[in-house]
Every structure is written in C-alpha cells, then in structure tokens.
Amino acid sequence: MAGSPITIQDVARIAGVSTATVSRALHNPGVVSRQTRERVEKAVEETGYAGNAMARSLRRMETRMIVVLVPDIGNPFFSEILSGIESVASASGYNVLIVDTNNDPAKERTFADYVRGHQADGMLLLNGRPPYFAEGSQEAGRRASPPLVVLCERLPRHDFPTVRIDNVAAAEAATAHLAELGHRHIAHITGPDGNILTAERLEGYERALSKAGLASSAALVQHGDFSIDSGRLAVRRLLETTPRPTAIFCANDEMAIGAIAELKANGRTVPADVSVVGFDDLQIAGCYDPPLTTVRQPRREIGETSMRMMLDRLANDNLDARDCVLPWKLVVRASSSAPGRH
C-alpha cells in the first residue's frame, strides 16, 4: 500500500469487517467483541493507519481499571501496599480490581486474558511470576504485553518496570546485626524454593556470615514457605542440630513469629536463649512478645510508586522500563541481644 494513503476501508478489508465495525472498534471498543478488536488492531498495525494512533487507542481503551494480582490476600504484608495503590489510583480517577490468585496459575491466566482483552488498562503483579503472554525473549515479551508493573520481586529474564527494595543488602544487614552482637551460630529460615526473594535473602545471609568470618552450615539453613507454621517446623529441626543456633534470621516476619512461638513452646526464652530477626516489619512486629527486630519495607510507598509508574506507562507507550529501588531500614527491637545462657 506504499504510495497511497491508508483508509479505513483498507483496514476493514484486511480485518474482514465493515467500516462501521472498524469505527466502533476504534472509538467505542467496549461495544465489540474481543476477537473483533484484536482483528482490527492487527489490521491497523499492519497498514500503519493514522500513524498507529488508532492502534494505541485500542491498547488504551480507557477502562480506568487496573488489575492487581495478589498471591494471598490473607497475608498482612500486602495490606499497606494495596492501600498505597488504591490511594493513587483513586486520586487519578482509576478503579482497582484486586485478584487473590492463591498462587493458582489457571486463575492468573484468566485475569491476564482479562487485561490482554482490553477489559482493563494495565496490571500490577505481586505474585512474582510473569503472565503467560510475556514469556520468551525480553523484547518479544514487552511487545506482547499490556502495561505491566512488578512489585517487590524482580522477574529474572524480564525487564518490566519494577518497584522493590535491595533484598540482598537488607538481609545482609539483618544477619550482620546478629554477628555484631556476638552470635557465632546463626541460622536462617528461608522462603519457598524458586522464589527470587528466597534466593536474594539467602544470598544476603551468606554474605554477612562470610564478612564476619563465620562458617556457613547446611544444617543451619532450614526451608520455610513464609507461613507461621513453617517457622515453627523449621525451629523444631534447628533444635535438633549440634551446635544449636543462638540466633535465627527469618526471611519474613510471619516465620519469625512462628519461630518465637516454637522456641517458647520448647522452653527457650527470646532473646536470652535465642535471638530472632524477621523481615518486612508487619504491624504486629512491634507489639509481639518480645517486639521483633526486623527489616522495614516501605510498603505503602511501594504501592504508591508502582501506581504512579503505571500511570506514566499508560501515558507513554515508549516509556523505558525502570527498576525503582526504595530505601529500607533495620528496626532493632527486643527480640535480639547478645548471646545469653545456653
């Protein structure tokens, strides 16, 4: 079609629909089916109709809806993040659809289709996994994707905009705090296998041990799944090791709370017998018995920043992916002290 102006009739012919349907798909896309919109969008992109402005219009249907995928809505870690997302979205005239996926890939796919079918303007990911249509090469994944922003966890092999903290540095500081108190047998309760946060926090733990001149031990690294129960189970295993740890760094606060509960159930006092450090600084951390030493994540700021990043992405198709790393803080409370009686 080079050399002659591209018309709406050309788009209609390639898409196999009427010019009226093309017009509706471009200007009022909610009244046509997803399949028809996709055919028209493909025809618009093939022809270069109106400099692809109409293709951008199709991608930006202005539903004013953002989907947020959360792996476990019952986890208190997400509450402040969701509040931050909602506050920025509401102030900008957007609605938020929060989806509790329960880590179910089928449910994640359903709502990925929902966004890809132009029933929402974009997606915020808290589940640590890219949607199915983003698999493959980075460039291909980005071309195939509606606007996406990833929260808290980097997605290896993908370069989507991300908002997070430096988990390696924070975990290193938490473990170094215990080493500086004089602990020499420091255990670590990890998150689930295959999770990027598990790997990064384990890396930070190992770095701190190395810098303190402490030997690492496979027996002192016990696997959890970020739940309270897994913290309790890990402590039962640690109490059977020799030598027993005098301190435990847990990859999140819920496991730390489980660890303290199990230590108490076995006649140990925290921190006189065993110091415990967590990660996240949940609301309960400061009022638990004893109050928990932990890494504070700026959770509300993570939510607010991610939604602002989404708004920027919606306003500019060509916006480069950004990795926004926010500050964290080690909050020292009563659950950690120098080694006591053992």
Protein backbone atom coordinates (compact mmCIF):
# COMPACT_ATOMS: atom_id res chain seq x y z
CA MET A 1 0.00 0.00 0.00
CA ALA A 2 3.05 2.22 -0.19
CA GLY A 3 2.49 5.43 -2.13
CA SER A 4 -1.24 5.79 -1.42
CA PRO A 5 -2.99 6.99 1.74
CA ILE A 6 -4.26 4.25 4.02
CA THR A 7 -8.02 4.46 4.54
CA ILE A 8 -10.49 2.94 6.93
CA GLN A 9 -11.71 0.82 4.00
CA ASP A 10 -8.24 -0.76 3.79
CA VAL A 11 -8.36 -1.61 7.49
CA ALA A 12 -11.88 -3.07 7.15
CA ARG A 13 -10.88 -5.22 4.17
CA ILE A 14 -7.84 -6.69 5.94
CA ALA A 15 -9.76 -7.27 9.19
CA GLY A 16 -12.70 -8.81 7.31
CA VAL A 17 -15.27 -6.49 8.88
CA SER A 18 -17.31 -3.46 7.83
CA THR A 19 -16.01 0.09 8.04
CA ALA A 20 -18.68 0.75 10.68
CA THR A 21 -17.25 -2.06 12.80
CA VAL A 22 -13.75 -0.63 12.42
CA SER A 23 -15.06 2.75 13.56
CA ARG A 24 -16.77 1.22 16.60
CA ALA A 25 -13.66 -0.78 17.49
CA LEU A 26 -11.51 2.34 17.33
CA HIS A 27 -13.78 4.83 19.04
CA ASN A 28 -16.05 2.75 21.26
CA PRO A 29 -14.23 -0.57 21.70
CA GLY A 30 -16.37 -1.76 24.57
CA VAL A 31 -19.27 -2.47 22.21
CA VAL A 32 -17.43 -5.00 20.03
CA SER A 33 -16.08 -8.43 20.91
CA ARG A 34 -12.51 -9.02 21.96
CA GLN A 35 -11.84 -11.11 18.87
CA THR A 36 -13.07 -8.31 16.61
CA ARG A 37 -10.99 -5.71 18.43
CA GLU A 38 -7.90 -7.88 18.04
CA ARG A 39 -8.51 -8.32 14.30
CA VAL A 40 -8.97 -4.59 13.82
CA GLU A 41 -5.91 -3.83 15.94
CA LYS A 42 -3.82 -6.22 13.85
CA ALA A 43 -5.07 -4.64 10.63
CA VAL A 44 -4.35 -1.14 11.92
CA GLU A 45 -0.81 -2.12 12.86
CA GLU A 46 -0.20 -3.87 9.50
CA THR A 47 -1.35 -0.87 7.49
CA GLY A 48 0.08 1.88 9.70
CA TYR A 49 -3.34 3.52 9.61
CA ALA A 50 -3.25 7.04 11.10
CA GLY A 51 0.37 6.61 12.16
CA ASN A 52 -0.71 3.81 14.54
CA ALA A 53 -2.56 6.33 16.68
CA MET A 54 -5.64 4.15 16.44
CA ALA A 55 -3.66 1.10 17.50
CA ARG A 56 -2.61 2.97 20.58
CA SER A 57 -6.24 3.88 21.13
CA LEU A 58 -7.17 0.21 21.03
CA ARG A 59 -4.48 -0.63 23.55
CA ARG A 60 -5.61 2.26 25.74
CA MET A 61 -9.29 1.57 25.94
CA GLU A 62 -9.55 3.86 28.95
CA THR A 63 -11.48 1.39 31.03
CA ARG A 64 -9.97 3.25 34.01
CA MET A 65 -9.44 -0.15 35.62
CA ILE A 66 -6.16 -1.62 36.90
CA VAL A 67 -5.91 -5.31 37.86
CA VAL A 68 -3.70 -6.22 40.82
CA LEU A 69 -2.67 -9.89 41.13
CA VAL A 70 -2.00 -10.88 44.76
CA PRO A 71 -0.86 -14.42 45.64
CA ASP A 72 -2.50 -14.48 49.10
CA ILE A 73 -4.84 -11.69 50.14
CA GLY A 74 -4.79 -13.04 53.72
CA ASN A 75 -1.09 -12.22 54.07
CA PRO A 76 -0.88 -8.97 56.08
CA PHE A 77 2.24 -7.97 54.14
CA PHE A 78 0.10 -6.85 51.22
CA SER A 79 -2.39 -4.62 53.08
CA GLU A 80 -0.35 -1.40 53.09
CA ILE A 81 0.85 -1.95 49.53
CA LEU A 82 -2.75 -2.29 48.32
CA SER A 83 -3.74 0.80 50.29
CA GLY A 84 -0.98 2.78 48.57
CA ILE A 85 -2.04 1.54 45.14
CA GLU A 86 -5.67 2.42 45.76
CA SER A 87 -4.96 5.91 47.07
CA VAL A 88 -3.01 6.96 43.96
CA ALA A 89 -5.43 5.19 41.61
CA SER A 90 -8.48 6.82 43.18
CA ALA A 91 -6.92 10.28 43.07
CA SER A 92 -6.23 9.74 39.36
CA GLY A 93 -9.73 8.53 38.51
CA TYR A 94 -8.88 4.82 38.27
CA ASN A 95 -10.53 1.81 39.88
CA VAL A 96 -8.56 -1.16 41.21
CA LEU A 97 -9.59 -4.81 40.83
CA ILE A 98 -7.71 -6.89 43.41
CA VAL A 99 -7.46 -10.57 42.46
CA ASP A 100 -6.49 -13.14 45.09
CA THR A 101 -4.87 -15.81 42.91
CA ASN A 102 -3.96 -18.25 45.71
CA ASN A 103 -0.87 -18.94 43.59
CA ASP A 104 -3.13 -20.70 41.07
CA PRO A 105 -1.61 -20.41 37.54
CA ALA A 106 -5.04 -21.02 35.94
CA LYS A 107 -6.53 -18.07 37.80
CA GLU A 108 -3.54 -15.91 36.92
CA ARG A 109 -4.02 -16.80 33.25
CA THR A 110 -7.73 -15.92 33.40
CA PHE A 111 -7.01 -12.40 34.58
CA ALA A 112 -4.03 -12.00 32.28
CA ASP A 113 -6.51 -12.67 29.45
CA TYR A 114 -8.86 -10.15 31.05
CA VAL A 115 -6.21 -7.43 30.78
CA ARG A 116 -4.92 -8.52 27.40
CA GLY A 117 -8.50 -8.46 26.11
CA HIS A 118 -8.66 -4.71 26.86
CA GLN A 119 -11.08 -5.11 29.77
CA ALA A 120 -8.56 -3.30 31.98
CA ASP A 121 -5.83 -0.78 31.21
CA GLY A 122 -2.93 -2.48 32.97
CA MET A 123 -1.76 -4.96 35.57
CA LEU A 124 0.26 -4.73 38.76
CA LEU A 125 1.98 -8.01 39.67
CA LEU A 126 2.58 -9.05 43.27
CA ASN A 127 2.71 -12.77 42.53
CA GLY A 128 6.33 -12.97 41.40
CA ARG A 129 5.53 -14.61 38.04
CA PRO A 130 5.23 -13.05 34.58
CA PRO A 131 1.92 -13.60 32.76
CA TYR A 132 1.98 -16.32 30.11
CA PHE A 133 1.98 -13.86 27.20
CA ALA A 134 5.22 -12.27 28.46
CA GLU A 135 7.27 -15.46 28.19
CA GLY A 136 10.05 -15.69 25.65
CA SER A 137 12.60 -13.00 24.88
CA GLN A 138 12.50 -9.72 26.76
CA GLU A 139 11.71 -7.70 23.65
CA ALA A 140 9.02 -10.10 22.44
CA GLY A 141 7.50 -10.23 25.91
CA ARG A 142 7.28 -6.47 26.17
CA ARG A 143 5.74 -6.12 22.71
CA ALA A 144 3.10 -8.73 23.57
CA SER A 145 2.24 -7.23 26.93
CA PRO A 146 -0.27 -4.66 28.06
CA PRO A 147 1.20 -2.21 30.58
CA LEU A 148 2.69 -4.18 33.49
CA VAL A 149 4.47 -3.10 36.68
CA VAL A 150 6.10 -5.62 39.01
CA LEU A 151 6.11 -5.04 42.78
CA CYS A 152 8.57 -6.31 45.42
CA GLU A 153 10.20 -9.04 43.32
CA ARG A 154 12.39 -8.80 40.26
CA LEU A 155 11.39 -11.10 37.41
CA PRO A 156 14.57 -12.74 36.12
CA ARG A 157 14.97 -12.55 32.33
CA HIS A 158 12.37 -9.77 32.10
CA ASP A 159 12.78 -6.01 32.15
CA PHE A 160 9.32 -4.81 33.15
CA PRO A 161 9.11 -1.71 35.36
CA THR A 162 9.76 -2.83 38.93
CA VAL A 163 9.40 -1.31 42.41
CA ARG A 164 11.32 -3.06 45.19
CA ILE A 165 14.00 -2.82 47.87
CA ASP A 166 17.52 -4.26 47.80
CA ASN A 167 16.72 -7.58 49.46
CA VAL A 168 20.32 -8.81 49.40
CA ALA A 169 21.65 -5.75 51.24
CA ALA A 170 18.78 -5.76 53.74
CA ALA A 171 19.23 -9.47 54.57
CA GLU A 172 22.96 -8.93 54.91
CA ALA A 173 22.37 -6.11 57.40
CA ALA A 174 19.92 -8.21 59.42
CA THR A 175 22.40 -11.09 59.69
CA ALA A 176 25.34 -8.75 60.35
CA HIS A 177 23.38 -7.26 63.26
CA LEU A 178 23.32 -10.69 64.91
CA ALA A 179 27.01 -11.29 64.20
CA GLU A 180 27.90 -7.89 65.68
CA LEU A 181 26.03 -8.84 68.86
CA GLY A 182 28.44 -11.75 69.23
CA HIS A 183 26.46 -14.67 67.79
CA ARG A 184 28.54 -17.34 66.06
CA HIS A 185 25.89 -19.93 65.24
CA ILE A 186 23.31 -18.00 63.21
CA ALA A 187 20.56 -19.97 61.48
CA HIS A 188 18.40 -18.88 58.58
CA ILE A 189 14.81 -19.87 57.77
CA THR A 190 14.27 -19.30 54.05
CA GLY A 191 11.19 -18.69 51.95
CA PRO A 192 9.89 -21.22 49.40
CA ASP A 193 12.12 -22.74 46.73
CA GLY A 194 12.07 -20.99 43.38
CA ASN A 195 11.18 -17.59 44.82
CA ILE A 196 13.51 -14.70 43.95
CA LEU A 197 13.12 -13.23 47.45
CA THR A 198 14.23 -16.55 48.95
CA ALA A 199 17.36 -16.52 46.81
CA GLU A 200 18.21 -12.87 47.47
CA ARG A 201 17.72 -13.04 51.24
CA LEU A 202 19.73 -16.25 51.44
CA GLU A 203 22.50 -14.52 49.47
CA GLY A 204 22.49 -11.63 51.94
CA TYR A 205 22.67 -14.04 54.89
CA GLU A 206 25.63 -15.86 53.37
CA ARG A 207 27.44 -12.61 52.55
CA ALA A 208 27.13 -11.45 56.17
CA LEU A 209 28.49 -14.74 57.51
CA SER A 210 31.43 -14.55 55.11
CA LYS A 211 32.28 -10.97 56.07
CA ALA A 212 32.08 -11.87 59.77
CA GLY A 213 34.39 -14.83 59.27
CA LEU A 214 31.67 -17.31 60.20
CA ALA A 215 31.38 -20.67 58.52
CA SER A 216 28.11 -21.48 56.80
CA SER A 217 26.39 -24.75 57.59
CA ALA A 218 23.70 -26.58 55.62
CA ALA A 219 22.13 -27.69 58.92
CA LEU A 220 21.62 -24.07 59.94
CA VAL A 221 19.65 -23.24 56.77
CA GLN A 222 16.09 -24.54 57.03
CA HIS A 223 13.45 -24.08 54.35
CA GLY A 224 10.08 -22.48 55.02
CA ASP A 225 7.27 -21.07 52.91
CA PHE A 226 6.71 -17.63 54.51
CA SER A 227 3.97 -19.03 56.81
CA ILE A 228 3.87 -19.07 60.63
CA ASP A 229 3.62 -22.86 60.65
CA SER A 230 6.74 -23.25 58.52
CA GLY A 231 8.65 -21.08 61.00
CA ARG A 232 7.60 -23.41 63.81
CA LEU A 233 8.57 -26.53 61.85
CA ALA A 234 11.97 -25.07 60.97
CA VAL A 235 12.71 -24.34 64.62
CA ARG A 236 11.89 -27.95 65.58
CA ARG A 237 14.54 -29.07 63.11
CA LEU A 238 17.04 -26.46 64.29
CA LEU A 239 16.68 -27.57 67.92
CA GLU A 240 17.95 -30.99 66.84
CA THR A 241 21.18 -29.61 65.33
CA THR A 242 24.55 -29.53 67.05
CA PRO A 243 25.62 -26.95 67.94
CA ARG A 244 22.23 -25.33 68.30
CA PRO A 245 21.88 -21.81 66.92
CA THR A 246 21.94 -18.87 69.29
CA ALA A 247 20.26 -16.64 66.71
CA ILE A 248 17.87 -17.05 63.77
CA PHE A 249 17.33 -14.74 60.81
CA CYS A 250 13.94 -15.42 59.22
CA ALA A 251 13.10 -14.40 55.64
CA ASN A 252 9.83 -12.80 56.77
CA ASP A 253 8.03 -11.74 59.94
CA GLU A 254 5.40 -14.46 59.88
CA MET A 255 8.05 -17.18 60.03
CA ALA A 256 9.84 -15.20 62.76
CA ILE A 257 6.64 -15.12 64.82
CA GLY A 258 6.25 -18.87 64.30
CA ALA A 259 9.87 -19.38 65.32
CA ILE A 260 9.44 -17.43 68.55
CA ALA A 261 6.26 -19.34 69.39
CA GLU A 262 8.01 -22.68 68.88
CA LEU A 263 11.06 -21.62 70.88
CA LYS A 264 8.80 -20.67 73.77
CA ALA A 265 6.92 -23.97 73.48
CA ASN A 266 10.26 -25.74 73.89
CA GLY A 267 11.26 -23.78 76.98
CA ARG A 268 13.56 -21.29 75.26
CA THR A 269 13.48 -17.59 76.05
CA VAL A 270 13.82 -14.96 73.33
CA PRO A 271 16.32 -13.32 73.21
CA ALA A 272 18.14 -14.71 76.29
CA ASP A 273 18.46 -18.17 74.76
CA VAL A 274 17.92 -17.44 71.07
CA SER A 275 17.71 -14.10 69.25
CA VAL A 276 15.26 -13.83 66.36
CA VAL A 277 15.20 -11.32 63.48
CA GLY A 278 12.47 -11.06 60.84
CA PHE A 279 11.87 -9.22 57.58
CA ASP A 280 9.06 -6.84 56.43
CA ASP A 281 8.04 -5.06 59.69
CA LEU A 282 4.39 -6.07 59.72
CA GLN A 283 2.14 -4.12 62.06
CA ILE A 284 2.20 -6.95 64.60
CA ALA A 285 6.02 -6.98 64.71
CA GLY A 286 6.26 -4.02 67.07
CA CYS A 287 3.71 -5.33 69.57
CA TYR A 288 4.61 -9.02 69.61
CA ASP A 289 6.21 -10.55 72.73
CA PRO A 290 9.03 -9.74 72.50
CA PRO A 291 8.83 -6.93 69.95
CA LEU A 292 10.52 -8.16 66.80
CA THR A 293 13.76 -6.88 65.34
CA THR A 294 13.13 -6.78 61.59
CA VAL A 295 13.78 -5.11 58.24
CA ARG A 296 11.20 -2.45 57.46
CA GLN A 297 9.97 -2.34 53.88
CA PRO A 298 8.25 0.93 52.83
CA ARG A 299 5.14 -0.99 51.84
CA ARG A 300 2.74 1.91 51.32
CA GLU A 301 5.38 3.74 49.29
CA ILE A 302 5.88 0.61 47.17
CA GLY A 303 2.17 0.66 46.35
CA GLU A 304 2.04 4.38 45.63
CA THR A 305 5.19 4.33 43.49
CA SER A 306 4.01 1.35 41.45
CA MET A 307 0.69 3.00 40.63
CA ARG A 308 2.41 6.24 39.61
CA MET A 309 4.73 4.19 37.41
CA MET A 310 1.65 2.55 35.85
CA LEU A 311 0.13 5.98 35.13
CA ASP A 312 3.39 7.04 33.46
CA ARG A 313 3.37 3.85 31.41
CA LEU A 314 -0.23 4.43 30.30
CA ALA A 315 0.61 7.97 29.26
CA ASN A 316 3.68 6.94 27.26
CA ASP A 317 3.82 3.66 25.30
CA ASN A 318 7.55 4.09 24.75
CA LEU A 319 8.48 4.65 28.39
CA ASP A 320 11.65 2.74 29.24
CA ALA A 321 11.42 0.06 31.91
CA ARG A 322 12.62 1.33 35.28
CA ASP A 323 13.91 -0.54 38.30
CA CYS A 324 12.93 1.64 41.26
CA VAL A 325 14.80 0.58 44.41
CA LEU A 326 13.35 2.15 47.55
CA PRO A 327 15.13 2.53 50.92
CA TRP A 328 14.72 0.00 53.74
CA LYS A 329 15.57 0.19 57.46
CA LEU A 330 16.72 -2.32 60.07
CA VAL A 331 14.48 -1.77 63.11
CA VAL A 332 16.14 -3.12 66.26
CA ARG A 333 13.75 -4.22 68.99
CA ALA A 334 13.81 -6.59 71.96
CA SER A 335 13.94 -9.93 70.11
CA SER A 336 17.69 -9.64 69.52
CA SER A 337 20.50 -9.29 72.03
CA ALA A 338 23.99 -10.56 72.79
CA PRO A 339 24.18 -14.31 73.45
CA GLY A 340 22.94 -15.22 76.91
CA ARG A 341 22.70 -18.54 78.69
CA HIS A 342 22.72 -21.73 76.61
